[in-house]
Protein backbone atom coordinates (compact mmCIF):
# COMPACT_ATOMS: atom_id res chain seq x y z
CA MET A 1 86.72 99.37 54.88
CA ALA A 2 88.03 101.87 57.44
CA PHE A 3 87.10 105.52 57.69
CA ARG A 4 89.69 108.07 56.59
CA LEU A 5 90.28 111.15 58.72
CA GLY A 6 91.07 114.47 57.06
CA CYS A 7 91.23 118.15 57.81
CA CYS A 8 90.00 121.37 56.17
CA GLY A 9 92.94 123.71 56.62
CA CYS A 10 91.34 126.97 55.53
CA MET A 11 89.53 127.52 58.85
CA ALA A 12 92.79 127.45 60.82
CA ASP A 13 94.52 130.75 61.51
CA GLY A 14 97.66 131.58 59.57
CA GLY A 15 96.82 131.03 55.90
CA SER A 16 97.68 133.69 53.36
CA ASP A 17 96.27 132.34 50.07
CA GLY A 18 93.02 130.96 51.47
CA THR A 19 93.56 127.42 50.20
CA GLY A 20 94.28 125.91 53.62
CA ALA A 21 97.60 124.47 52.48
CA HIS A 22 99.45 126.25 55.29
CA VAL A 23 98.63 123.34 57.64
CA LEU A 24 100.47 120.79 55.51
CA ASP A 25 103.76 121.10 57.35
CA GLN A 26 102.07 119.95 60.55
CA LEU A 27 99.25 117.74 59.37
CA SER A 28 100.94 114.43 58.58
CA GLY A 29 102.35 114.17 62.08
CA LEU A 30 99.00 114.76 63.74
CA GLY A 31 97.21 111.58 62.72
CA TYR A 32 95.39 112.68 59.55
CA ASP A 33 95.18 110.81 56.25
CA TYR A 34 94.55 113.72 53.89
CA VAL A 35 93.95 117.45 53.58
CA GLU A 36 90.83 119.14 52.17
CA LEU A 37 91.52 122.45 50.40
CA SER A 38 89.39 125.40 49.27
CA LEU A 39 88.66 124.99 45.58
CA SER A 40 87.58 128.56 44.85
CA HIS A 41 90.94 129.75 46.21
CA LEU A 42 92.84 127.05 44.29
CA ALA A 43 91.13 128.23 41.11
CA ARG A 44 92.43 131.77 41.66
CA LEU A 45 96.09 130.77 41.99
CA THR A 46 98.46 131.73 39.20
CA GLU A 47 100.06 128.85 37.33
CA PRO A 48 103.39 129.30 39.17
CA ALA A 49 101.60 129.44 42.54
CA PHE A 50 99.58 126.32 41.69
CA ALA A 51 102.73 124.47 40.61
CA SER A 52 104.34 125.47 43.90
CA LEU A 53 101.36 124.12 45.82
CA LYS A 54 101.57 120.80 43.97
CA ARG A 55 105.23 120.50 44.94
CA ARG A 56 104.39 121.34 48.54
CA LEU A 57 101.71 118.66 48.64
CA ALA A 58 104.08 116.05 47.21
CA ALA A 59 106.78 116.95 49.72
CA SER A 60 104.37 116.84 52.66
CA GLY A 61 103.33 113.24 52.06
CA THR A 62 99.71 114.27 52.77
CA PRO A 63 97.41 113.92 49.76
CA CYS A 64 94.61 116.30 48.84
CA GLU A 65 91.69 113.89 48.53
CA ALA A 66 88.85 116.42 48.69
CA CYS A 67 88.08 120.10 48.14
CA HIS A 68 85.32 122.35 49.45
CA ASN A 69 84.19 125.95 48.79
CA PHE A 70 83.35 125.12 45.16
CA PHE A 71 81.92 128.45 43.94
CA PRO A 72 82.93 131.95 45.05
CA ALA A 73 80.11 134.29 46.07
CA GLU A 74 80.54 136.49 43.00
CA ILE A 75 79.32 133.69 40.70
CA ARG A 76 75.54 133.76 41.12
CA LEU A 77 73.77 130.41 40.92
CA THR A 78 70.21 131.48 41.78
CA GLY A 79 68.04 134.50 41.14
CA GLU A 80 67.60 136.76 38.13
CA ALA A 81 71.37 137.35 37.98
CA ALA A 82 72.22 133.64 37.89
CA ASP A 83 74.95 133.02 35.33
CA HIS A 84 75.25 129.30 34.72
CA GLY A 85 77.53 129.81 31.74
CA ARG A 86 80.08 131.50 33.98
CA ALA A 87 79.47 128.85 36.65
CA LEU A 88 80.20 126.01 34.21
CA ASP A 89 83.37 127.71 32.95
CA HIS A 90 84.59 128.12 36.53
CA ALA A 91 83.65 124.54 37.38
CA ASP A 92 85.55 123.05 34.46
CA ARG A 93 88.74 124.95 35.35
CA ALA A 94 88.38 124.37 39.08
CA LEU A 95 87.59 120.65 38.79
CA ALA A 96 90.57 120.20 36.46
CA ARG A 97 92.82 121.64 39.16
CA ALA A 98 91.21 119.52 41.86
CA ALA A 99 91.77 116.41 39.75
CA GLU A 100 95.38 117.42 39.11
CA LEU A 101 95.92 117.45 42.87
CA GLY A 102 94.34 114.01 43.20
CA ALA A 103 91.03 115.06 44.75
CA GLU A 104 88.13 112.67 44.29
CA VAL A 105 85.36 114.69 45.96
CA VAL A 106 84.39 118.36 45.67
CA VAL A 107 81.89 119.75 48.15
CA PHE A 108 79.01 121.92 46.94
CA GLY A 109 77.93 124.14 49.80
CA SER A 110 78.76 127.58 48.40
CA SER A 111 76.15 129.53 50.36
CA GLY A 112 77.24 132.92 49.03
CA ALA A 113 76.77 131.78 45.45
CA LYS A 114 73.56 129.82 45.82
CA ASN A 115 71.59 131.73 48.48
CA VAL A 116 68.27 132.90 47.06
CA PRO A 117 67.88 136.68 46.66
CA PRO A 118 64.99 138.35 48.56
CA GLY A 119 61.73 138.12 46.67
CA PHE A 120 62.90 135.48 44.22
CA PRO A 121 60.64 132.39 44.23
CA MET A 122 62.22 129.55 46.19
CA ALA A 123 60.80 126.93 43.82
CA ARG A 124 62.47 128.62 40.85
CA ALA A 125 65.77 128.83 42.73
CA TRP A 126 65.54 125.13 43.58
CA ASP A 127 64.96 124.32 39.91
CA GLN A 128 67.97 126.49 38.96
CA ILE A 129 70.16 124.43 41.27
CA VAL A 130 68.79 121.16 39.88
CA VAL A 131 69.49 122.27 36.32
CA LEU A 132 72.99 123.47 37.17
CA LEU A 133 73.95 120.27 38.98
CA ALA A 134 72.60 118.18 36.10
CA LYS A 135 74.89 120.12 33.77
CA LEU A 136 77.81 119.74 36.18
CA ASP A 137 77.42 115.97 36.46
CA PRO A 138 79.15 115.08 33.15
CA VAL A 139 81.78 117.76 33.77
CA ALA A 140 82.62 116.20 37.13
CA ARG A 141 82.60 112.74 35.58
CA SER A 142 85.07 113.83 32.91
CA HIS A 143 87.51 114.82 35.67
CA GLY A 144 86.92 111.69 37.75
CA ILE A 145 85.37 113.69 40.59
CA VAL A 146 82.17 113.35 42.60
CA ILE A 147 80.32 116.53 43.61
CA ALA A 148 78.93 116.17 47.13
CA ILE A 149 75.95 118.40 47.96
CA GLU A 150 76.35 119.92 51.43
CA PRO A 151 73.13 120.90 53.22
CA LEU A 152 73.86 124.03 55.29
CA ASN A 153 72.05 125.33 58.36
CA ARG A 154 69.60 128.20 58.01
CA LYS A 155 71.95 130.68 59.67
CA GLU A 156 74.27 130.28 56.66
CA SER A 157 71.97 129.46 53.78
CA ASN A 158 68.31 129.83 52.84
CA ILE A 159 68.09 126.78 50.58
CA VAL A 160 69.00 123.06 50.97
CA ASN A 161 69.10 123.14 54.78
CA SER A 162 68.65 119.52 55.80
CA LEU A 163 69.95 116.09 54.94
CA ALA A 164 66.44 115.17 53.84
CA GLU A 165 66.42 118.08 51.37
CA GLY A 166 69.88 117.01 50.22
CA VAL A 167 68.52 113.55 49.45
CA ARG A 168 65.64 115.10 47.51
CA LEU A 169 68.00 117.32 45.52
CA THR A 170 70.34 114.43 44.72
CA ARG A 171 67.44 112.34 43.48
CA GLU A 172 66.05 115.14 41.32
CA VAL A 173 69.44 115.76 39.70
CA GLY A 174 69.73 112.06 38.97
CA GLY A 175 73.42 112.22 38.06
CA ARG A 176 76.00 109.51 38.65
CA ASN A 177 78.60 111.98 39.93
CA VAL A 178 76.38 114.25 42.00
CA ARG A 179 75.99 112.82 45.47
CA LEU A 180 75.65 113.99 49.09
CA LEU A 181 77.57 115.07 52.17
CA ALA A 182 76.54 114.73 55.82
CA ASP A 183 77.85 117.41 58.19
CA TYR A 184 77.61 116.77 61.93
CA TYR A 185 77.70 120.48 62.80
CA HIS A 186 74.89 121.47 60.42
CA LEU A 187 72.73 118.52 61.48
CA MET A 188 73.12 119.53 65.12
CA VAL A 189 72.35 123.22 64.45
CA GLU A 190 69.16 122.17 62.65
CA SER A 191 68.30 119.54 65.29
CA GLU A 192 67.96 117.01 62.48
CA PRO A 193 67.76 113.44 63.83
CA PHE A 194 70.54 111.03 62.96
CA SER A 195 67.83 108.65 61.75
CA GLU A 196 67.78 110.71 58.52
CA ILE A 197 71.21 109.27 57.72
CA ALA A 198 69.65 105.90 56.87
CA ALA A 199 67.78 107.34 53.86
CA ALA A 200 70.88 109.31 52.82
CA GLY A 201 73.17 106.29 52.99
CA PRO A 202 73.03 105.24 49.31
CA TYR A 203 73.98 108.79 48.25
CA LEU A 204 76.63 109.70 50.83
CA ARG A 205 80.13 110.29 49.50
CA HIS A 206 81.65 112.64 52.09
CA VAL A 207 81.36 113.80 55.71
CA HIS A 208 82.27 116.98 57.57
CA PHE A 209 82.65 117.22 61.32
CA ALA A 210 82.96 119.92 64.00
CA GLU A 211 81.84 120.32 67.59
CA LEU A 212 78.50 122.16 67.82
CA GLU A 213 79.60 124.69 70.41
CA GLY A 214 81.71 127.28 68.60
CA ARG A 215 82.22 125.02 65.57
CA THR A 216 85.53 123.91 67.07
CA TYR A 217 87.73 120.84 66.95
CA PRO A 218 86.36 118.13 69.25
CA ARG A 219 88.19 118.00 72.60
CA VAL A 220 86.55 115.09 74.43
CA PRO A 221 84.52 112.08 73.26
CA ARG A 222 80.75 112.56 73.35
CA ASP A 223 77.89 110.10 73.04
CA GLU A 224 76.51 112.19 70.16
CA TYR A 225 79.72 111.63 68.18
CA ALA A 226 79.47 107.88 68.58
CA ARG A 227 75.80 107.89 67.58
CA PHE A 228 76.55 109.97 64.48
CA PHE A 229 79.38 107.74 63.27
CA GLY A 230 77.39 104.63 64.17
CA ALA A 231 74.49 105.87 62.05
CA LEU A 232 76.86 106.48 59.14
CA ALA A 233 78.30 102.98 59.43
CA ARG A 234 74.89 101.33 59.65
CA ALA A 235 73.86 103.27 56.54
CA GLY A 236 76.79 101.71 54.70
CA TYR A 237 79.16 104.68 54.74
CA ARG A 238 82.86 103.93 55.24
CA GLY A 239 84.65 106.87 53.73
CA ARG A 240 86.28 110.22 54.38
CA VAL A 241 85.53 112.37 57.42
CA SER A 242 87.01 115.88 57.28
CA VAL A 243 87.21 118.03 60.39
CA GLU A 244 85.96 121.45 59.28
CA ALA A 245 86.40 123.63 62.34
CA PHE A 246 87.82 126.89 63.64
CA THR A 247 91.01 126.99 65.66
CA SER A 248 93.65 129.49 66.74
CA ASP A 249 96.00 126.70 67.90
CA PHE A 250 95.95 124.26 65.00
CA ALA A 251 98.62 121.78 66.13
CA ALA A 252 97.20 121.30 69.60
CA ASP A 253 93.54 121.21 68.58
CA ALA A 254 94.08 118.96 65.55
CA ALA A 255 96.16 116.49 67.58
CA ARG A 256 93.52 116.32 70.33
CA ALA A 257 90.74 115.89 67.78
CA SER A 258 92.57 113.00 66.13
CA ASP A 259 92.90 111.30 69.52
CA VAL A 260 89.17 111.75 70.10
CA LEU A 261 87.92 110.72 66.67
CA ARG A 262 90.17 107.82 65.71
CA PRO A 263 88.78 105.38 68.33
CA LEU A 264 85.20 106.41 67.55
CA LEU A 265 85.71 105.86 63.83
CA ALA A 266 87.34 102.48 64.45
CA GLU A 267 84.43 101.42 66.61
CA ALA A 268 81.87 102.58 64.04
CA ALA A 269 83.71 100.81 61.22
CA GLY A 270 83.16 97.51 63.03
CA GLN A 271 79.39 97.93 63.06
CA GLY A 272 77.27 96.11 60.52
CA THR A 273 75.14 97.83 57.92
CA ALA A 274 71.43 98.17 58.40
């Protein structure tokens, strides 16, 4: 099975609704298989605006296979103000829209929603996340979607900061439709060794990628890229890789990144599993 290369449009300059759909007109000609859109912004669209987006996706020829930015910051997931009833209501509506677009994976990073308030016990916050994800598992399953936990670096989040912690969380949730994401940028910020990917392999369902310096689109091949993709392949992962990076010149940077990543992904896909 070959890797599939996608792009998160919301980090590119020029969007007005926050979904990232503004890159669609350019994306299919730049060597990408799919687009990844912001789910919290999709959930806010009016019905006419959402219908318009569906038409735009169909016309572009580029499918939406994944979504990120699951929960907006105003829906608290940890702390005394955590409101899991509101979170589940949002999730059901948002996942229904993601499924309607054809998405199969929704990323759960959502640092603003899940970051632990000062003074609140970290162990209690961890348990709150476990309980919420266990409740979300059947909701996701009903929509035919997998929720992929995204460990975020400690500059962005104060809980679930490593792939190893992501594996632990996935195991504690124990759901069929709650799995894990590996993000090259966050692993590099945290100096987490690629050897951790082997333990994560059975749970991995999605990958994000950006150059460490400036969180930009990759411009030239690097040995670290090849080692990362090789570790994924040896762990048994052959799936989607979404570039999630900043750019002020989307067409040029996305085209260059595709030229850099495609050969590396093809090489990794030919490697055997561990």
